[in-house]
Amino acid sequence: MLTKQEYAELCAAIRTLYADRIPAMGYMLYKNHFYVYNYDIHMHRIECVEKIEIVGNEIRLSKIMEGIDGID
């Protein structure tokens, strides 16, 4: 669960990155975390699916990124 401020900052960063054309599913490295999110186009709401701290989870994040990028 994200705090209101963290959620607002993440949404602003995602909207800035995608110029308000947010993909339905995505991920973002922001500050010290890796966020996986879904975007509900009808509600105009970003839903954080997972928040992973970068430090200490490098191997896990590498495997996630390989799956996202389609690298086997």
PDB file of N, CA and C in Angstrom:
ATOM      1  N   MET A   1       0.838  -1.172   0.000  1.00  0.00           N
ATOM      2  CA  MET A   1       0.000   0.000   0.000  1.00  0.00           C
ATOM      3  C   MET A   1       0.890   1.244   0.000  1.00  0.00           C
ATOM      4  N   LEU A   2       0.580   2.165  -0.861  1.00  0.00           N
ATOM      5  CA  LEU A   2       1.362   3.388  -0.959  1.00  0.00           C
ATOM      6  C   LEU A   2       0.714   4.488  -0.129  1.00  0.00           C
ATOM      7  N   THR A   3       1.541   5.363   0.409  1.00  0.00           N
ATOM      8  CA  THR A   3       0.991   6.532   1.083  1.00  0.00           C
ATOM      9  C   THR A   3       0.414   7.465   0.023  1.00  0.00           C
ATOM     10  N   LYS A   4      -0.415   8.394   0.440  1.00  0.00           N
ATOM     11  CA  LYS A   4      -1.011   9.334  -0.521  1.00  0.00           C
ATOM     12  C   LYS A   4       0.054  10.131  -1.255  1.00  0.00           C
ATOM     13  N   GLN A   5       1.074  10.563  -0.525  1.00  0.00           N
ATOM     14  CA  GLN A   5       2.130  11.354  -1.156  1.00  0.00           C
ATOM     15  C   GLN A   5       2.935  10.501  -2.137  1.00  0.00           C
ATOM     16  N   GLU A   6       3.278   9.285  -1.735  1.00  0.00           N
ATOM     17  CA  GLU A   6       4.043   8.408  -2.622  1.00  0.00           C
ATOM     18  C   GLU A   6       3.236   8.090  -3.880  1.00  0.00           C
ATOM     19  N   TYR A   7       1.934   7.833  -3.709  1.00  0.00           N
ATOM     20  CA  TYR A   7       1.062   7.559  -4.852  1.00  0.00           C
ATOM     21  C   TYR A   7       1.014   8.769  -5.786  1.00  0.00           C
ATOM     22  N   ALA A   8       0.866   9.954  -5.213  1.00  0.00           N
ATOM     23  CA  ALA A   8       0.801  11.179  -6.024  1.00  0.00           C
ATOM     24  C   ALA A   8       2.104  11.395  -6.787  1.00  0.00           C
ATOM     25  N   GLU A   9       3.241  11.166  -6.133  1.00  0.00           N
ATOM     26  CA  GLU A   9       4.542  11.334  -6.789  1.00  0.00           C
ATOM     27  C   GLU A   9       4.720  10.317  -7.910  1.00  0.00           C
ATOM     28  N   LEU A  10       4.344   9.070  -7.653  1.00  0.00           N
ATOM     29  CA  LEU A  10       4.466   8.033  -8.669  1.00  0.00           C
ATOM     30  C   LEU A  10       3.582   8.347  -9.873  1.00  0.00           C
ATOM     31  N   CYS A  11       2.338   8.738  -9.619  1.00  0.00           N
ATOM     32  CA  CYS A  11       1.424   9.096 -10.718  1.00  0.00           C
ATOM     33  C   CYS A  11       1.979  10.253 -11.540  1.00  0.00           C
ATOM     34  N   ALA A  12       2.504  11.260 -10.868  1.00  0.00           N
ATOM     35  CA  ALA A  12       3.074  12.404 -11.573  1.00  0.00           C
ATOM     36  C   ALA A  12       4.264  11.980 -12.430  1.00  0.00           C
ATOM     37  N   ALA A  13       5.109  11.109 -11.897  1.00  0.00           N
ATOM     38  CA  ALA A  13       6.279  10.637 -12.649  1.00  0.00           C
ATOM     39  C   ALA A  13       5.845   9.830 -13.875  1.00  0.00           C
ATOM     40  N   ILE A  14       4.847   8.968 -13.703  1.00  0.00           N
ATOM     41  CA  ILE A  14       4.357   8.154 -14.826  1.00  0.00           C
ATOM     42  C   ILE A  14       3.722   9.049 -15.880  1.00  0.00           C
ATOM     43  N   ARG A  15       2.888  10.001 -15.453  1.00  0.00           N
ATOM     44  CA  ARG A  15       2.234  10.910 -16.405  1.00  0.00           C
ATOM     45  C   ARG A  15       3.266  11.769 -17.140  1.00  0.00           C
ATOM     46  N   THR A  16       4.313  12.181 -16.457  1.00  0.00           N
ATOM     47  CA  THR A  16       5.373  12.958 -17.089  1.00  0.00           C
ATOM     48  C   THR A  16       6.111  12.110 -18.127  1.00  0.00           C
ATOM     49  N   LEU A  17       6.426  10.881 -17.764  1.00  0.00           N
ATOM     50  CA  LEU A  17       7.149   9.986 -18.666  1.00  0.00           C
ATOM     51  C   LEU A  17       6.356   9.695 -19.931  1.00  0.00           C
ATOM     52  N   TYR A  18       5.058   9.459 -19.792  1.00  0.00           N
ATOM     53  CA  TYR A  18       4.240   9.064 -20.932  1.00  0.00           C
ATOM     54  C   TYR A  18       3.393  10.185 -21.512  1.00  0.00           C
ATOM     55  N   ALA A  19       3.582  11.404 -21.054  1.00  0.00           N
ATOM     56  CA  ALA A  19       2.844  12.563 -21.569  1.00  0.00           C
ATOM     57  C   ALA A  19       1.340  12.309 -21.597  1.00  0.00           C
ATOM     58  N   ASP A  20       0.844  11.789 -20.487  1.00  0.00           N
ATOM     59  CA  ASP A  20      -0.579  11.481 -20.303  1.00  0.00           C
ATOM     60  C   ASP A  20      -1.122  10.418 -21.261  1.00  0.00           C
ATOM     61  N   ARG A  21      -0.263   9.665 -21.905  1.00  0.00           N
ATOM     62  CA  ARG A  21      -0.679   8.514 -22.720  1.00  0.00           C
ATOM     63  C   ARG A  21      -0.153   7.261 -22.023  1.00  0.00           C
ATOM     64  N   ILE A  22      -0.734   6.963 -20.895  1.00  0.00           N
ATOM     65  CA  ILE A  22      -0.233   5.900 -20.026  1.00  0.00           C
ATOM     66  C   ILE A  22      -0.655   4.539 -20.573  1.00  0.00           C
ATOM     67  N   PRO A  23       0.296   3.599 -20.698  1.00  0.00           N
ATOM     68  CA  PRO A  23      -0.067   2.253 -21.158  1.00  0.00           C
ATOM     69  C   PRO A  23      -0.906   1.530 -20.101  1.00  0.00           C
ATOM     70  N   ALA A  24      -1.692   0.553 -20.531  1.00  0.00           N
ATOM     71  CA  ALA A  24      -2.574  -0.192 -19.622  1.00  0.00           C
ATOM     72  C   ALA A  24      -1.795  -0.930 -18.543  1.00  0.00           C
ATOM     73  N   MET A  25      -0.600  -1.406 -18.869  1.00  0.00           N
ATOM     74  CA  MET A  25       0.263  -2.085 -17.899  1.00  0.00           C
ATOM     75  C   MET A  25       1.669  -1.557 -18.077  1.00  0.00           C
ATOM     76  N   GLY A  26       2.378  -1.412 -16.990  1.00  0.00           N
ATOM     77  CA  GLY A  26       3.736  -0.923 -17.122  1.00  0.00           C
ATOM     78  C   GLY A  26       4.534  -1.068 -15.854  1.00  0.00           C
ATOM     79  N   TYR A  27       5.735  -0.538 -15.903  1.00  0.00           N
ATOM     80  CA  TYR A  27       6.629  -0.571 -14.753  1.00  0.00           C
ATOM     81  C   TYR A  27       7.453   0.697 -14.752  1.00  0.00           C
ATOM     82  N   MET A  28       7.988   1.012 -13.596  1.00  0.00           N
ATOM     83  CA  MET A  28       8.805   2.212 -13.491  1.00  0.00           C
ATOM     84  C   MET A  28       9.794   2.079 -12.344  1.00  0.00           C
ATOM     85  N   LEU A  29      11.027   2.456 -12.613  1.00  0.00           N
ATOM     86  CA  LEU A  29      12.015   2.615 -11.555  1.00  0.00           C
ATOM     87  C   LEU A  29      11.866   4.032 -11.055  1.00  0.00           C
ATOM     88  N   TYR A  30      11.594   4.182  -9.777  1.00  0.00           N
ATOM     89  CA  TYR A  30      11.390   5.517  -9.220  1.00  0.00           C
ATOM     90  C   TYR A  30      11.974   5.544  -7.821  1.00  0.00           C
ATOM     91  N   LYS A  31      12.867   6.489  -7.626  1.00  0.00           N
ATOM     92  CA  LYS A  31      13.606   6.609  -6.368  1.00  0.00           C
ATOM     93  C   LYS A  31      14.287   5.275  -6.086  1.00  0.00           C
ATOM     94  N   ASN A  32      14.006   4.627  -4.968  1.00  0.00           N
ATOM     95  CA  ASN A  32      14.692   3.387  -4.608  1.00  0.00           C
ATOM     96  C   ASN A  32      13.835   2.151  -4.805  1.00  0.00           C
ATOM     97  N   HIS A  33      12.792   2.264  -5.644  1.00  0.00           N
ATOM     98  CA  HIS A  33      11.874   1.149  -5.807  1.00  0.00           C
ATOM     99  C   HIS A  33      11.543   0.892  -7.282  1.00  0.00           C
ATOM    100  N   PHE A  34      11.116  -0.311  -7.533  1.00  0.00           N
ATOM    101  CA  PHE A  34      10.627  -0.743  -8.833  1.00  0.00           C
ATOM    102  C   PHE A  34       9.127  -0.959  -8.663  1.00  0.00           C
ATOM    103  N   TYR A  35       8.328  -0.252  -9.437  1.00  0.00           N
ATOM    104  CA  TYR A  35       6.875  -0.340  -9.333  1.00  0.00           C
ATOM    105  C   TYR A  35       6.311  -1.010 -10.577  1.00  0.00           C
ATOM    106  N   VAL A  36       5.378  -1.922 -10.367  1.00  0.00           N
ATOM    107  CA  VAL A  36       4.607  -2.519 -11.457  1.00  0.00           C
ATOM    108  C   VAL A  36       3.194  -1.986 -11.281  1.00  0.00           C
ATOM    109  N   TYR A  37       2.593  -1.493 -12.362  1.00  0.00           N
ATOM    110  CA  TYR A  37       1.281  -0.872 -12.226  1.00  0.00           C
ATOM    111  C   TYR A  37       0.363  -1.221 -13.395  1.00  0.00           C
ATOM    112  N   ASN A  38      -0.914  -1.023 -13.154  1.00  0.00           N
ATOM    113  CA  ASN A  38      -1.951  -1.105 -14.180  1.00  0.00           C
ATOM    114  C   ASN A  38      -2.620   0.256 -14.247  1.00  0.00           C
ATOM    115  N   TYR A  39      -3.099   0.605 -15.415  1.00  0.00           N
ATOM    116  CA  TYR A  39      -3.812   1.874 -15.584  1.00  0.00           C
ATOM    117  C   TYR A  39      -5.232   1.587 -16.041  1.00  0.00           C
ATOM    118  N   ASP A  40      -6.201   2.055 -15.286  1.00  0.00           N
ATOM    119  CA  ASP A  40      -7.612   1.909 -15.630  1.00  0.00           C
ATOM    120  C   ASP A  40      -8.019   3.152 -16.418  1.00  0.00           C
ATOM    121  N   ILE A  41      -8.167   2.989 -17.723  1.00  0.00           N
ATOM    122  CA  ILE A  41      -8.457   4.125 -18.599  1.00  0.00           C
ATOM    123  C   ILE A  41      -9.827   4.738 -18.310  1.00  0.00           C
ATOM    124  N   HIS A  42     -10.769   3.918 -17.871  1.00  0.00           N
ATOM    125  CA  HIS A  42     -12.120   4.419 -17.603  1.00  0.00           C
ATOM    126  C   HIS A  42     -12.176   5.254 -16.322  1.00  0.00           C
ATOM    127  N   MET A  43     -11.413   4.852 -15.325  1.00  0.00           N
ATOM    128  CA  MET A  43     -11.388   5.561 -14.037  1.00  0.00           C
ATOM    129  C   MET A  43     -10.242   6.580 -13.982  1.00  0.00           C
ATOM    130  N   HIS A  44      -9.365   6.542 -15.005  1.00  0.00           N
ATOM    131  CA  HIS A  44      -8.178   7.410 -15.040  1.00  0.00           C
ATOM    132  C   HIS A  44      -7.372   7.248 -13.747  1.00  0.00           C
ATOM    133  N   ARG A  45      -7.142   5.992 -13.381  1.00  0.00           N
ATOM    134  CA  ARG A  45      -6.481   5.697 -12.120  1.00  0.00           C
ATOM    135  C   ARG A  45      -5.343   4.705 -12.341  1.00  0.00           C
ATOM    136  N   ILE A  46      -4.227   5.000 -11.724  1.00  0.00           N
ATOM    137  CA  ILE A  46      -3.071   4.115 -11.738  1.00  0.00           C
ATOM    138  C   ILE A  46      -3.137   3.254 -10.481  1.00  0.00           C
ATOM    139  N   GLU A  47      -3.040   1.939 -10.672  1.00  0.00           N
ATOM    140  CA  GLU A  47      -3.075   1.015  -9.551  1.00  0.00           C
ATOM    141  C   GLU A  47      -1.728   0.319  -9.442  1.00  0.00           C
ATOM    142  N   CYS A  48      -1.085   0.499  -8.303  1.00  0.00           N
ATOM    143  CA  CYS A  48       0.207  -0.132  -8.071  1.00  0.00           C
ATOM    144  C   CYS A  48      -0.024  -1.604  -7.754  1.00  0.00           C
ATOM    145  N   VAL A  49       0.548  -2.477  -8.567  1.00  0.00           N
ATOM    146  CA  VAL A  49       0.404  -3.915  -8.384  1.00  0.00           C
ATOM    147  C   VAL A  49       1.479  -4.434  -7.442  1.00  0.00           C
ATOM    148  N   GLU A  50       2.688  -3.912  -7.607  1.00  0.00           N
ATOM    149  CA  GLU A  50       3.797  -4.382  -6.784  1.00  0.00           C
ATOM    150  C   GLU A  50       4.821  -3.286  -6.624  1.00  0.00           C
ATOM    151  N   LYS A  51       5.400  -3.220  -5.435  1.00  0.00           N
ATOM    152  CA  LYS A  51       6.464  -2.274  -5.117  1.00  0.00           C
ATOM    153  C   LYS A  51       7.613  -3.087  -4.550  1.00  0.00           C
ATOM    154  N   ILE A  52       8.765  -3.018  -5.221  1.00  0.00           N
ATOM    155  CA  ILE A  52       9.917  -3.815  -4.818  1.00  0.00           C
ATOM    156  C   ILE A  52      11.095  -2.888  -4.565  1.00  0.00           C
ATOM    157  N   GLU A  53      11.703  -3.021  -3.403  1.00  0.00           N
ATOM    158  CA  GLU A  53      12.902  -2.237  -3.109  1.00  0.00           C
ATOM    159  C   GLU A  53      14.027  -2.739  -4.002  1.00  0.00           C
ATOM    160  N   ILE A  54      14.759  -1.829  -4.603  1.00  0.00           N
ATOM    161  CA  ILE A  54      15.807  -2.203  -5.555  1.00  0.00           C
ATOM    162  C   ILE A  54      16.969  -2.894  -4.860  1.00  0.00           C
ATOM    163  N   VAL A  55      17.478  -2.277  -3.801  1.00  0.00           N
ATOM    164  CA  VAL A  55      18.640  -2.825  -3.095  1.00  0.00           C
ATOM    165  C   VAL A  55      18.243  -4.131  -2.412  1.00  0.00           C
ATOM    166  N   GLY A  56      18.984  -5.181  -2.710  1.00  0.00           N
ATOM    167  CA  GLY A  56      18.722  -6.488  -2.121  1.00  0.00           C
ATOM    168  C   GLY A  56      17.841  -7.377  -2.983  1.00  0.00           C
ATOM    169  N   ASN A  57      17.265  -6.839  -4.035  1.00  0.00           N
ATOM    170  CA  ASN A  57      16.386  -7.610  -4.919  1.00  0.00           C
ATOM    171  C   ASN A  57      16.855  -7.574  -6.365  1.00  0.00           C
ATOM    172  N   GLU A  58      18.140  -7.375  -6.576  1.00  0.00           N
ATOM    173  CA  GLU A  58      18.669  -7.210  -7.921  1.00  0.00           C
ATOM    174  C   GLU A  58      18.412  -8.424  -8.810  1.00  0.00           C
ATOM    175  N   ILE A  59      18.581  -9.631  -8.270  1.00  0.00           N
ATOM    176  CA  ILE A  59      18.374 -10.846  -9.071  1.00  0.00           C
ATOM    177  C   ILE A  59      16.903 -10.980  -9.438  1.00  0.00           C
ATOM    178  N   ARG A  60      16.025 -10.781  -8.471  1.00  0.00           N
ATOM    179  CA  ARG A  60      14.577 -10.854  -8.739  1.00  0.00           C
ATOM    180  C   ARG A  60      14.174  -9.831  -9.794  1.00  0.00           C
ATOM    181  N   LEU A  61      14.662  -8.600  -9.663  1.00  0.00           N
ATOM    182  CA  LEU A  61      14.319  -7.554 -10.630  1.00  0.00           C
ATOM    183  C   LEU A  61      14.858  -7.880 -12.020  1.00  0.00           C
ATOM    184  N   SER A  62      16.037  -8.470 -12.065  1.00  0.00           N
ATOM    185  CA  SER A  62      16.614  -8.871 -13.350  1.00  0.00           C
ATOM    186  C   SER A  62      15.714  -9.880 -14.040  1.00  0.00           C
ATOM    187  N   LYS A  63      15.192 -10.846 -13.277  1.00  0.00           N
ATOM    188  CA  LYS A  63      14.302 -11.854 -13.851  1.00  0.00           C
ATOM    189  C   LYS A  63      12.982 -11.231 -14.296  1.00  0.00           C
ATOM    190  N   ILE A  64      12.459 -10.294 -13.515  1.00  0.00           N
ATOM    191  CA  ILE A  64      11.222  -9.606 -13.902  1.00  0.00           C
ATOM    192  C   ILE A  64      11.441  -8.825 -15.188  1.00  0.00           C
ATOM    193  N   MET A  65      12.546  -8.094 -15.267  1.00  0.00           N
ATOM    194  CA  MET A  65      12.831  -7.290 -16.453  1.00  0.00           C
ATOM    195  C   MET A  65      13.014  -8.167 -17.688  1.00  0.00           C
ATOM    196  N   GLU A  66      13.623  -9.330 -17.528  1.00  0.00           N
ATOM    197  CA  GLU A  66      13.769 -10.241 -18.663  1.00  0.00           C
ATOM    198  C   GLU A  66      12.408 -10.663 -19.168  1.00  0.00           C
ATOM    199  N   GLY A  67      11.470 -10.948 -18.273  1.00  0.00           N
ATOM    200  CA  GLY A  67      10.136 -11.344 -18.673  1.00  0.00           C
ATOM    201  C   GLY A  67       9.369 -10.215 -19.332  1.00  0.00           C
ATOM    202  N   ILE A  68       9.532  -9.008 -18.821  1.00  0.00           N
ATOM    203  CA  ILE A  68       8.845  -7.843 -19.389  1.00  0.00           C
ATOM    204  C   ILE A  68       9.380  -7.536 -20.773  1.00  0.00           C
ATOM    205  N   ASP A  69      10.694  -7.623 -20.933  1.00  0.00           N
ATOM    206  CA  ASP A  69      11.301  -7.292 -22.212  1.00  0.00           C
ATOM    207  C   ASP A  69      11.221  -8.445 -23.216  1.00  0.00           C
ATOM    208  N   GLY A  70      10.705  -9.582 -22.787  1.00  0.00           N
ATOM    209  CA  GLY A  70      10.539 -10.712 -23.682  1.00  0.00           C
ATOM    210  C   GLY A  70      11.834 -11.462 -23.957  1.00  0.00           C
ATOM    211  N   ILE A  71      12.832 -11.278 -23.112  1.00  0.00           N
ATOM    212  CA  ILE A  71      14.106 -11.965 -23.282  1.00  0.00           C
ATOM    213  C   ILE A  71      14.046 -13.285 -22.525  1.00  0.00           C
ATOM    214  N   ASP A  72      14.299 -14.377 -23.198  1.00  0.00           N
ATOM    215  CA  ASP A  72      14.288 -15.696 -22.546  1.00  0.00           C
ATOM    216  C   ASP A  72      15.685 -16.178 -22.288  1.00  0.00           C
TER     217      ASP A  72
END
